Amino acid sequence: MSESDWLEKEFKNIEFGDKRLRDRFFSMANIFSRRPDETINKVVVNFADKKATYRLFSHKNFSSDKILFEHRESTSSRLQNESVALMIHDSSFLASIQKDL
């Protein structure tokens, strides 16, 4: 399954009150899914797309809560058909401590 197919299936019910916001979300999610460890400035090279990405993130109808809610709903739905589910969790963290030399 491609990233695009997975995103469409995972977030099929997501709504932001405007089809353009939804389309932009899927467009940006497709781009970021290919390079999840990079910043917006590295992933989105075109200035107009960069500006559109920041506009999307700051729009009053757009929120990470909506994205996480739909992701939880899709995950819960998938788990209904499984007898066993593994939850992998990375609890590691990095600490940056600067010492005077």
PDB file of N, CA and C in Angstrom:
ATOM      1  N   MET A   1       0.846  -1.173   0.000  1.00  0.00           N
ATOM      2  CA  MET A   1       0.000   0.000   0.000  1.00  0.00           C
ATOM      3  C   MET A   1       0.897   1.244   0.000  1.00  0.00           C
ATOM      4  N   SER A   2       0.615   2.166  -0.883  1.00  0.00           N
ATOM      5  CA  SER A   2       1.415   3.394  -0.960  1.00  0.00           C
ATOM      6  C   SER A   2       1.075   4.328   0.200  1.00  0.00           C
ATOM      7  N   GLU A   3       1.950   5.313   0.427  1.00  0.00           N
ATOM      8  CA  GLU A   3       1.681   6.299   1.485  1.00  0.00           C
ATOM      9  C   GLU A   3       0.367   7.009   1.222  1.00  0.00           C
ATOM     10  N   SER A   4       0.134   7.344  -0.036  1.00  0.00           N
ATOM     11  CA  SER A   4      -1.082   8.057  -0.420  1.00  0.00           C
ATOM     12  C   SER A   4      -2.329   7.226  -0.124  1.00  0.00           C
ATOM     13  N   ASP A   5      -2.279   5.943  -0.473  1.00  0.00           N
ATOM     14  CA  ASP A   5      -3.417   5.052  -0.198  1.00  0.00           C
ATOM     15  C   ASP A   5      -3.655   4.917   1.300  1.00  0.00           C
ATOM     16  N   TRP A   6      -2.565   4.759   2.063  1.00  0.00           N
ATOM     17  CA  TRP A   6      -2.696   4.628   3.514  1.00  0.00           C
ATOM     18  C   TRP A   6      -3.317   5.887   4.112  1.00  0.00           C
ATOM     19  N   LEU A   7      -2.839   7.057   3.680  1.00  0.00           N
ATOM     20  CA  LEU A   7      -3.364   8.319   4.207  1.00  0.00           C
ATOM     21  C   LEU A   7      -4.853   8.466   3.902  1.00  0.00           C
ATOM     22  N   GLU A   8      -5.240   8.153   2.676  1.00  0.00           N
ATOM     23  CA  GLU A   8      -6.657   8.253   2.296  1.00  0.00           C
ATOM     24  C   GLU A   8      -7.523   7.332   3.147  1.00  0.00           C
ATOM     25  N   LYS A   9      -7.027   6.137   3.402  1.00  0.00           N
ATOM     26  CA  LYS A   9      -7.785   5.177   4.212  1.00  0.00           C
ATOM     27  C   LYS A   9      -7.797   5.586   5.686  1.00  0.00           C
ATOM     28  N   GLU A  10      -6.657   5.981   6.196  1.00  0.00           N
ATOM     29  CA  GLU A  10      -6.523   6.321   7.612  1.00  0.00           C
ATOM     30  C   GLU A  10      -7.336   7.554   7.992  1.00  0.00           C
ATOM     31  N   PHE A  11      -7.388   8.532   7.100  1.00  0.00           N
ATOM     32  CA  PHE A  11      -8.040   9.806   7.411  1.00  0.00           C
ATOM     33  C   PHE A  11      -9.257  10.066   6.529  1.00  0.00           C
ATOM     34  N   LYS A  12      -9.930   8.996   6.109  1.00  0.00           N
ATOM     35  CA  LYS A  12     -11.054   9.139   5.177  1.00  0.00           C
ATOM     36  C   LYS A  12     -12.177  10.009   5.734  1.00  0.00           C
ATOM     37  N   ASN A  13     -12.333  10.065   7.037  1.00  0.00           N
ATOM     38  CA  ASN A  13     -13.427  10.832   7.641  1.00  0.00           C
ATOM     39  C   ASN A  13     -13.014  12.206   8.160  1.00  0.00           C
ATOM     40  N   ILE A  14     -11.776  12.591   7.948  1.00  0.00           N
ATOM     41  CA  ILE A  14     -11.316  13.868   8.504  1.00  0.00           C
ATOM     42  C   ILE A  14     -11.981  15.042   7.774  1.00  0.00           C
ATOM     43  N   GLU A  15     -12.406  16.015   8.548  1.00  0.00           N
ATOM     44  CA  GLU A  15     -13.061  17.202   7.995  1.00  0.00           C
ATOM     45  C   GLU A  15     -12.523  18.448   8.679  1.00  0.00           C
ATOM     46  N   PHE A  16     -12.317  19.476   7.880  1.00  0.00           N
ATOM     47  CA  PHE A  16     -11.864  20.766   8.404  1.00  0.00           C
ATOM     48  C   PHE A  16     -12.846  21.879   8.049  1.00  0.00           C
ATOM     49  N   GLY A  17     -14.024  21.499   7.535  1.00  0.00           N
ATOM     50  CA  GLY A  17     -15.039  22.488   7.204  1.00  0.00           C
ATOM     51  C   GLY A  17     -14.866  23.125   5.836  1.00  0.00           C
ATOM     52  N   ASP A  18     -13.864  22.703   5.088  1.00  0.00           N
ATOM     53  CA  ASP A  18     -13.586  23.282   3.771  1.00  0.00           C
ATOM     54  C   ASP A  18     -12.804  22.246   2.964  1.00  0.00           C
ATOM     55  N   LYS A  19     -13.320  21.918   1.788  1.00  0.00           N
ATOM     56  CA  LYS A  19     -12.679  20.907   0.950  1.00  0.00           C
ATOM     57  C   LYS A  19     -11.233  21.288   0.611  1.00  0.00           C
ATOM     58  N   ARG A  20     -10.974  22.587   0.459  1.00  0.00           N
ATOM     59  CA  ARG A  20      -9.612  23.030   0.126  1.00  0.00           C
ATOM     60  C   ARG A  20      -8.631  22.711   1.254  1.00  0.00           C
ATOM     61  N   LEU A  21      -9.078  22.861   2.501  1.00  0.00           N
ATOM     62  CA  LEU A  21      -8.215  22.519   3.643  1.00  0.00           C
ATOM     63  C   LEU A  21      -7.941  21.020   3.666  1.00  0.00           C
ATOM     64  N   ARG A  22      -8.988  20.245   3.397  1.00  0.00           N
ATOM     65  CA  ARG A  22      -8.837  18.782   3.371  1.00  0.00           C
ATOM     66  C   ARG A  22      -7.856  18.366   2.272  1.00  0.00           C
ATOM     67  N   ASP A  23      -8.026  18.950   1.093  1.00  0.00           N
ATOM     68  CA  ASP A  23      -7.120  18.642  -0.021  1.00  0.00           C
ATOM     69  C   ASP A  23      -5.682  19.033   0.315  1.00  0.00           C
ATOM     70  N   ARG A  24      -5.509  20.196   0.931  1.00  0.00           N
ATOM     71  CA  ARG A  24      -4.171  20.655   1.306  1.00  0.00           C
ATOM     72  C   ARG A  24      -3.566  19.731   2.357  1.00  0.00           C
ATOM     73  N   PHE A  25      -4.395  19.288   3.320  1.00  0.00           N
ATOM     74  CA  PHE A  25      -3.919  18.354   4.343  1.00  0.00           C
ATOM     75  C   PHE A  25      -3.356  17.094   3.686  1.00  0.00           C
ATOM     76  N   PHE A  26      -4.112  16.494   2.761  1.00  0.00           N
ATOM     77  CA  PHE A  26      -3.648  15.265   2.115  1.00  0.00           C
ATOM     78  C   PHE A  26      -2.411  15.524   1.259  1.00  0.00           C
ATOM     79  N   SER A  27      -2.372  16.656   0.603  1.00  0.00           N
ATOM     80  CA  SER A  27      -1.205  17.002  -0.204  1.00  0.00           C
ATOM     81  C   SER A  27       0.045  17.122   0.672  1.00  0.00           C
ATOM     82  N   MET A  28      -0.065  17.855   1.759  1.00  0.00           N
ATOM     83  CA  MET A  28       1.076  18.039   2.663  1.00  0.00           C
ATOM     84  C   MET A  28       1.436  16.731   3.381  1.00  0.00           C
ATOM     85  N   ALA A  29       0.439  15.980   3.797  1.00  0.00           N
ATOM     86  CA  ALA A  29       0.701  14.711   4.483  1.00  0.00           C
ATOM     87  C   ALA A  29       1.456  13.751   3.567  1.00  0.00           C
ATOM     88  N   ASN A  30       1.114  13.735   2.284  1.00  0.00           N
ATOM     89  CA  ASN A  30       1.835  12.895   1.326  1.00  0.00           C
ATOM     90  C   ASN A  30       3.295  13.308   1.225  1.00  0.00           C
ATOM     91  N   ILE A  31       3.535  14.594   1.173  1.00  0.00           N
ATOM     92  CA  ILE A  31       4.911  15.092   1.077  1.00  0.00           C
ATOM     93  C   ILE A  31       5.694  14.757   2.346  1.00  0.00           C
ATOM     94  N   PHE A  32       5.100  15.042   3.508  1.00  0.00           N
ATOM     95  CA  PHE A  32       5.803  14.812   4.775  1.00  0.00           C
ATOM     96  C   PHE A  32       5.979  13.330   5.086  1.00  0.00           C
ATOM     97  N   SER A  33       5.099  12.479   4.575  1.00  0.00           N
ATOM     98  CA  SER A  33       5.218  11.043   4.859  1.00  0.00           C
ATOM     99  C   SER A  33       6.463  10.447   4.210  1.00  0.00           C
ATOM    100  N   ARG A  34       6.959  11.078   3.177  1.00  0.00           N
ATOM    101  CA  ARG A  34       8.165  10.584   2.511  1.00  0.00           C
ATOM    102  C   ARG A  34       9.441  11.002   3.229  1.00  0.00           C
ATOM    103  N   ARG A  35       9.362  12.095   4.010  1.00  0.00           N
ATOM    104  CA  ARG A  35      10.542  12.603   4.730  1.00  0.00           C
ATOM    105  C   ARG A  35      10.122  13.108   6.109  1.00  0.00           C
ATOM    106  N   PRO A  36       9.672  12.206   6.969  1.00  0.00           N
ATOM    107  CA  PRO A  36       9.106  12.624   8.258  1.00  0.00           C
ATOM    108  C   PRO A  36      10.108  13.253   9.225  1.00  0.00           C
ATOM    109  N   ASP A  37      11.375  13.052   8.977  1.00  0.00           N
ATOM    110  CA  ASP A  37      12.388  13.570   9.897  1.00  0.00           C
ATOM    111  C   ASP A  37      12.898  14.953   9.506  1.00  0.00           C
ATOM    112  N   GLU A  38      12.360  15.523   8.451  1.00  0.00           N
ATOM    113  CA  GLU A  38      12.838  16.810   7.950  1.00  0.00           C
ATOM    114  C   GLU A  38      11.914  17.958   8.355  1.00  0.00           C
ATOM    115  N   THR A  39      12.443  19.160   8.303  1.00  0.00           N
ATOM    116  CA  THR A  39      11.660  20.357   8.603  1.00  0.00           C
ATOM    117  C   THR A  39      10.829  20.763   7.385  1.00  0.00           C
ATOM    118  N   ILE A  40       9.865  21.625   7.616  1.00  0.00           N
ATOM    119  CA  ILE A  40       9.034  22.127   6.519  1.00  0.00           C
ATOM    120  C   ILE A  40       9.911  22.763   5.446  1.00  0.00           C
ATOM    121  N   ASN A  41      10.869  23.567   5.855  1.00  0.00           N
ATOM    122  CA  ASN A  41      11.722  24.257   4.884  1.00  0.00           C
ATOM    123  C   ASN A  41      12.551  23.313   4.026  1.00  0.00           C
ATOM    124  N   LYS A  42      12.885  22.157   4.532  1.00  0.00           N
ATOM    125  CA  LYS A  42      13.651  21.189   3.740  1.00  0.00           C
ATOM    126  C   LYS A  42      12.748  20.344   2.849  1.00  0.00           C
ATOM    127  N   VAL A  43      11.541  20.058   3.319  1.00  0.00           N
ATOM    128  CA  VAL A  43      10.634  19.188   2.570  1.00  0.00           C
ATOM    129  C   VAL A  43       9.897  19.961   1.475  1.00  0.00           C
ATOM    130  N   VAL A  44       9.434  21.142   1.801  1.00  0.00           N
ATOM    131  CA  VAL A  44       8.655  21.950   0.859  1.00  0.00           C
ATOM    132  C   VAL A  44       9.580  23.014   0.274  1.00  0.00           C
ATOM    133  N   VAL A  45       9.944  22.849  -0.983  1.00  0.00           N
ATOM    134  CA  VAL A  45      10.928  23.743  -1.580  1.00  0.00           C
ATOM    135  C   VAL A  45      10.295  24.948  -2.271  1.00  0.00           C
ATOM    136  N   ASN A  46       9.110  24.789  -2.819  1.00  0.00           N
ATOM    137  CA  ASN A  46       8.419  25.869  -3.512  1.00  0.00           C
ATOM    138  C   ASN A  46       7.868  26.867  -2.499  1.00  0.00           C
ATOM    139  N   PHE A  47       8.152  28.164  -2.691  1.00  0.00           N
ATOM    140  CA  PHE A  47       7.743  29.184  -1.725  1.00  0.00           C
ATOM    141  C   PHE A  47       6.228  29.226  -1.546  1.00  0.00           C
ATOM    142  N   ALA A  48       5.471  29.136  -2.631  1.00  0.00           N
ATOM    143  CA  ALA A  48       4.006  29.191  -2.536  1.00  0.00           C
ATOM    144  C   ALA A  48       3.474  28.011  -1.723  1.00  0.00           C
ATOM    145  N   ASP A  49       4.044  26.827  -1.929  1.00  0.00           N
ATOM    146  CA  ASP A  49       3.618  25.649  -1.161  1.00  0.00           C
ATOM    147  C   ASP A  49       3.999  25.782   0.308  1.00  0.00           C
ATOM    148  N   LYS A  50       5.156  26.375   0.552  1.00  0.00           N
ATOM    149  CA  LYS A  50       5.598  26.607   1.931  1.00  0.00           C
ATOM    150  C   LYS A  50       4.613  27.535   2.645  1.00  0.00           C
ATOM    151  N   LYS A  51       4.254  28.602   1.971  1.00  0.00           N
ATOM    152  CA  LYS A  51       3.309  29.566   2.528  1.00  0.00           C
ATOM    153  C   LYS A  51       1.953  28.900   2.769  1.00  0.00           C
ATOM    154  N   ALA A  52       1.507  28.086   1.819  1.00  0.00           N
ATOM    155  CA  ALA A  52       0.231  27.375   1.961  1.00  0.00           C
ATOM    156  C   ALA A  52       0.271  26.400   3.135  1.00  0.00           C
ATOM    157  N   THR A  53       1.410  25.778   3.352  1.00  0.00           N
ATOM    158  CA  THR A  53       1.557  24.849   4.475  1.00  0.00           C
ATOM    159  C   THR A  53       1.414  25.586   5.800  1.00  0.00           C
ATOM    160  N   TYR A  54       2.090  26.701   5.935  1.00  0.00           N
ATOM    161  CA  TYR A  54       1.981  27.484   7.173  1.00  0.00           C
ATOM    162  C   TYR A  54       0.571  28.043   7.361  1.00  0.00           C
ATOM    163  N   ARG A  55      -0.079  28.434   6.262  1.00  0.00           N
ATOM    164  CA  ARG A  55      -1.470  28.904   6.363  1.00  0.00           C
ATOM    165  C   ARG A  55      -2.378  27.783   6.845  1.00  0.00           C
ATOM    166  N   LEU A  56      -2.155  26.574   6.324  1.00  0.00           N
ATOM    167  CA  LEU A  56      -2.953  25.426   6.764  1.00  0.00           C
ATOM    168  C   LEU A  56      -2.768  25.197   8.254  1.00  0.00           C
ATOM    169  N   PHE A  57      -1.522  25.158   8.703  1.00  0.00           N
ATOM    170  CA  PHE A  57      -1.242  24.883  10.115  1.00  0.00           C
ATOM    171  C   PHE A  57      -1.802  25.948  11.049  1.00  0.00           C
ATOM    172  N   SER A  58      -1.948  27.167  10.564  1.00  0.00           N
ATOM    173  CA  SER A  58      -2.454  28.235  11.428  1.00  0.00           C
ATOM    174  C   SER A  58      -3.949  28.494  11.245  1.00  0.00           C
ATOM    175  N   HIS A  59      -4.597  27.743  10.359  1.00  0.00           N
ATOM    176  CA  HIS A  59      -6.033  27.948  10.120  1.00  0.00           C
ATOM    177  C   HIS A  59      -6.839  27.541  11.349  1.00  0.00           C
ATOM    178  N   LYS A  60      -7.877  28.309  11.649  1.00  0.00           N
ATOM    179  CA  LYS A  60      -8.683  28.063  12.855  1.00  0.00           C
ATOM    180  C   LYS A  60      -9.387  26.704  12.837  1.00  0.00           C
ATOM    181  N   ASN A  61      -9.667  26.150  11.662  1.00  0.00           N
ATOM    182  CA  ASN A  61     -10.355  24.853  11.579  1.00  0.00           C
ATOM    183  C   ASN A  61      -9.407  23.660  11.553  1.00  0.00           C
ATOM    184  N   PHE A  62      -8.119  23.924  11.502  1.00  0.00           N
ATOM    185  CA  PHE A  62      -7.129  22.858  11.420  1.00  0.00           C
ATOM    186  C   PHE A  62      -6.500  22.657  12.792  1.00  0.00           C
ATOM    187  N   SER A  63      -6.418  21.393  13.241  1.00  0.00           N
ATOM    188  CA  SER A  63      -5.768  21.134  14.531  1.00  0.00           C
ATOM    189  C   SER A  63      -5.192  19.729  14.567  1.00  0.00           C
ATOM    190  N   SER A  64      -4.142  19.589  15.345  1.00  0.00           N
ATOM    191  CA  SER A  64      -3.547  18.262  15.523  1.00  0.00           C
ATOM    192  C   SER A  64      -4.522  17.347  16.256  1.00  0.00           C
ATOM    193  N   ASP A  65      -5.407  17.912  17.076  1.00  0.00           N
ATOM    194  CA  ASP A  65      -6.410  17.096  17.773  1.00  0.00           C
ATOM    195  C   ASP A  65      -7.312  16.369  16.785  1.00  0.00           C
ATOM    196  N   LYS A  66      -7.704  17.037  15.715  1.00  0.00           N
ATOM    197  CA  LYS A  66      -8.549  16.396  14.696  1.00  0.00           C
ATOM    198  C   LYS A  66      -7.799  15.255  14.017  1.00  0.00           C
ATOM    199  N   ILE A  67      -6.534  15.483  13.724  1.00  0.00           N
ATOM    200  CA  ILE A  67      -5.721  14.457  13.067  1.00  0.00           C
ATOM    201  C   ILE A  67      -5.550  13.256  13.988  1.00  0.00           C
ATOM    202  N   LEU A  68      -5.202  13.510  15.238  1.00  0.00           N
ATOM    203  CA  LEU A  68      -5.015  12.412  16.196  1.00  0.00           C
ATOM    204  C   LEU A  68      -6.319  11.671  16.465  1.00  0.00           C
ATOM    205  N   PHE A  69      -7.438  12.390  16.519  1.00  0.00           N
ATOM    206  CA  PHE A  69      -8.732  11.741  16.736  1.00  0.00           C
ATOM    207  C   PHE A  69      -9.021  10.753  15.609  1.00  0.00           C
ATOM    208  N   GLU A  70      -8.863  11.196  14.365  1.00  0.00           N
ATOM    209  CA  GLU A  70      -9.128  10.309  13.223  1.00  0.00           C
ATOM    210  C   GLU A  70      -8.165   9.131  13.195  1.00  0.00           C
ATOM    211  N   HIS A  71      -6.920   9.372  13.567  1.00  0.00           N
ATOM    212  CA  HIS A  71      -5.936   8.288  13.612  1.00  0.00           C
ATOM    213  C   HIS A  71      -6.330   7.262  14.680  1.00  0.00           C
ATOM    214  N   ARG A  72      -6.747   7.737  15.857  1.00  0.00           N
ATOM    215  CA  ARG A  72      -7.197   6.818  16.917  1.00  0.00           C
ATOM    216  C   ARG A  72      -8.430   6.033  16.485  1.00  0.00           C
ATOM    217  N   GLU A  73      -9.374   6.706  15.827  1.00  0.00           N
ATOM    218  CA  GLU A  73     -10.586   6.028  15.357  1.00  0.00           C
ATOM    219  C   GLU A  73     -10.247   4.933  14.346  1.00  0.00           C
ATOM    220  N   SER A  74      -9.369   5.238  13.409  1.00  0.00           N
ATOM    221  CA  SER A  74      -8.970   4.248  12.401  1.00  0.00           C
ATOM    222  C   SER A  74      -8.227   3.085  13.041  1.00  0.00           C
ATOM    223  N   THR A  75      -7.357   3.389  13.978  1.00  0.00           N
ATOM    224  CA  THR A  75      -6.617   2.339  14.684  1.00  0.00           C
ATOM    225  C   THR A  75      -7.569   1.451  15.461  1.00  0.00           C
ATOM    226  N   SER A  76      -8.491   2.049  16.171  1.00  0.00           N
ATOM    227  CA  SER A  76      -9.478   1.296  16.945  1.00  0.00           C
ATOM    228  C   SER A  76     -10.311   0.400  16.035  1.00  0.00           C
ATOM    229  N   SER A  77     -10.694   0.914  14.902  1.00  0.00           N
ATOM    230  CA  SER A  77     -11.479   0.136  13.941  1.00  0.00           C
ATOM    231  C   SER A  77     -10.693  -1.071  13.429  1.00  0.00           C
ATOM    232  N   ARG A  78      -9.417  -0.870  13.122  1.00  0.00           N
ATOM    233  CA  ARG A  78      -8.579  -1.987  12.663  1.00  0.00           C
ATOM    234  C   ARG A  78      -8.426  -3.049  13.742  1.00  0.00           C
ATOM    235  N   LEU A  79      -8.312  -2.626  14.991  1.00  0.00           N
ATOM    236  CA  LEU A  79      -8.093  -3.567  16.093  1.00  0.00           C
ATOM    237  C   LEU A  79      -9.311  -4.439  16.372  1.00  0.00           C
ATOM    238  N   GLN A  80     -10.481  -4.013  15.953  1.00  0.00           N
ATOM    239  CA  GLN A  80     -11.698  -4.795  16.185  1.00  0.00           C
ATOM    240  C   GLN A  80     -11.620  -6.170  15.525  1.00  0.00           C
ATOM    241  N   ASN A  81     -10.842  -6.280  14.470  1.00  0.00           N
ATOM    242  CA  ASN A  81     -10.746  -7.535  13.721  1.00  0.00           C
ATOM    243  C   ASN A  81      -9.541  -8.386  14.111  1.00  0.00           C
ATOM    244  N   GLU A  82      -8.818  -7.970  15.122  1.00  0.00           N
ATOM    245  CA  GLU A  82      -7.600  -8.678  15.517  1.00  0.00           C
ATOM    246  C   GLU A  82      -7.751  -9.292  16.904  1.00  0.00           C
ATOM    247  N   SER A  83      -7.194 -10.479  17.078  1.00  0.00           N
ATOM    248  CA  SER A  83      -7.234 -11.109  18.400  1.00  0.00           C
ATOM    249  C   SER A  83      -6.039 -10.679  19.252  1.00  0.00           C
ATOM    250  N   VAL A  84      -4.945 -10.296  18.593  1.00  0.00           N
ATOM    251  CA  VAL A  84      -3.748  -9.844  19.298  1.00  0.00           C
ATOM    252  C   VAL A  84      -3.235  -8.581  18.606  1.00  0.00           C
ATOM    253  N   ALA A  85      -2.839  -7.618  19.408  1.00  0.00           N
ATOM    254  CA  ALA A  85      -2.251  -6.392  18.861  1.00  0.00           C
ATOM    255  C   ALA A  85      -1.011  -6.048  19.677  1.00  0.00           C
ATOM    256  N   LEU A  86       0.058  -5.724  18.994  1.00  0.00           N
ATOM    257  CA  LEU A  86       1.283  -5.304  19.665  1.00  0.00           C
ATOM    258  C   LEU A  86       1.368  -3.787  19.632  1.00  0.00           C
ATOM    259  N   MET A  87       1.666  -3.209  20.765  1.00  0.00           N
ATOM    260  CA  MET A  87       1.841  -1.760  20.820  1.00  0.00           C
ATOM    261  C   MET A  87       3.312  -1.481  21.069  1.00  0.00           C
ATOM    262  N   ILE A  88       3.972  -1.010  20.039  1.00  0.00           N
ATOM    263  CA  ILE A  88       5.389  -0.702  20.119  1.00  0.00           C
ATOM    264  C   ILE A  88       5.526   0.758  20.540  1.00  0.00           C
ATOM    265  N   HIS A  89       6.335   0.984  21.555  1.00  0.00           N
ATOM    266  CA  HIS A  89       6.489   2.339  22.073  1.00  0.00           C
ATOM    267  C   HIS A  89       7.960   2.612  22.327  1.00  0.00           C
ATOM    268  N   ASP A  90       8.425   3.716  21.807  1.00  0.00           N
ATOM    269  CA  ASP A  90       9.809   4.121  22.018  1.00  0.00           C
ATOM    270  C   ASP A  90       9.829   5.140  23.149  1.00  0.00           C
ATOM    271  N   SER A  91      10.354   4.743  24.279  1.00  0.00           N
ATOM    272  CA  SER A  91      10.370   5.642  25.438  1.00  0.00           C
ATOM    273  C   SER A  91      11.728   6.310  25.634  1.00  0.00           C
ATOM    274  N   SER A  92      12.586   6.184  24.631  1.00  0.00           N
ATOM    275  CA  SER A  92      13.904   6.806  24.762  1.00  0.00           C
ATOM    276  C   SER A  92      13.792   8.319  24.584  1.00  0.00           C
ATOM    277  N   PHE A  93      14.780   9.006  25.093  1.00  0.00           N
ATOM    278  CA  PHE A  93      14.832  10.452  24.918  1.00  0.00           C
ATOM    279  C   PHE A  93      16.284  10.889  24.901  1.00  0.00           C
ATOM    280  N   LEU A  94      16.509  12.060  24.372  1.00  0.00           N
ATOM    281  CA  LEU A  94      17.859  12.600  24.307  1.00  0.00           C
ATOM    282  C   LEU A  94      17.958  13.799  25.231  1.00  0.00           C
ATOM    283  N   ALA A  95      19.069  13.912  25.895  1.00  0.00           N
ATOM    284  CA  ALA A  95      19.317  15.074  26.747  1.00  0.00           C
ATOM    285  C   ALA A  95      20.568  15.765  26.232  1.00  0.00           C
ATOM    286  N   SER A  96      20.453  17.038  26.025  1.00  0.00           N
ATOM    287  CA  SER A  96      21.599  17.809  25.560  1.00  0.00           C
ATOM    288  C   SER A  96      22.082  18.679  26.707  1.00  0.00           C
ATOM    289  N   ILE A  97      23.237  18.336  27.220  1.00  0.00           N
ATOM    290  CA  ILE A  97      23.802  19.078  28.347  1.00  0.00           C
ATOM    291  C   ILE A  97      25.113  19.691  27.888  1.00  0.00           C
ATOM    292  N   GLN A  98      25.195  20.988  28.014  1.00  0.00           N
ATOM    293  CA  GLN A  98      26.424  21.674  27.620  1.00  0.00           C
ATOM    294  C   GLN A  98      27.268  21.918  28.858  1.00  0.00           C
ATOM    295  N   LYS A  99      28.500  21.465  28.800  1.00  0.00           N
ATOM    296  CA  LYS A  99      29.423  21.670  29.918  1.00  0.00           C
ATOM    297  C   LYS A  99      30.440  22.726  29.529  1.00  0.00           C
ATOM    298  N   ASP A 100      30.797  23.524  30.483  1.00  0.00           N
ATOM    299  CA  ASP A 100      31.850  24.510  30.238  1.00  0.00           C
ATOM    300  C   ASP A 100      33.170  23.773  30.066  1.00  0.00           C
ATOM    301  N   LEU A 101      33.869  24.127  29.030  1.00  0.00           N
ATOM    302  CA  LEU A 101      35.158  23.479  28.766  1.00  0.00           C
ATOM    303  C   LEU A 101      36.301  24.290  29.301  1.00  0.00           C
TER     304      LEU A 101
END
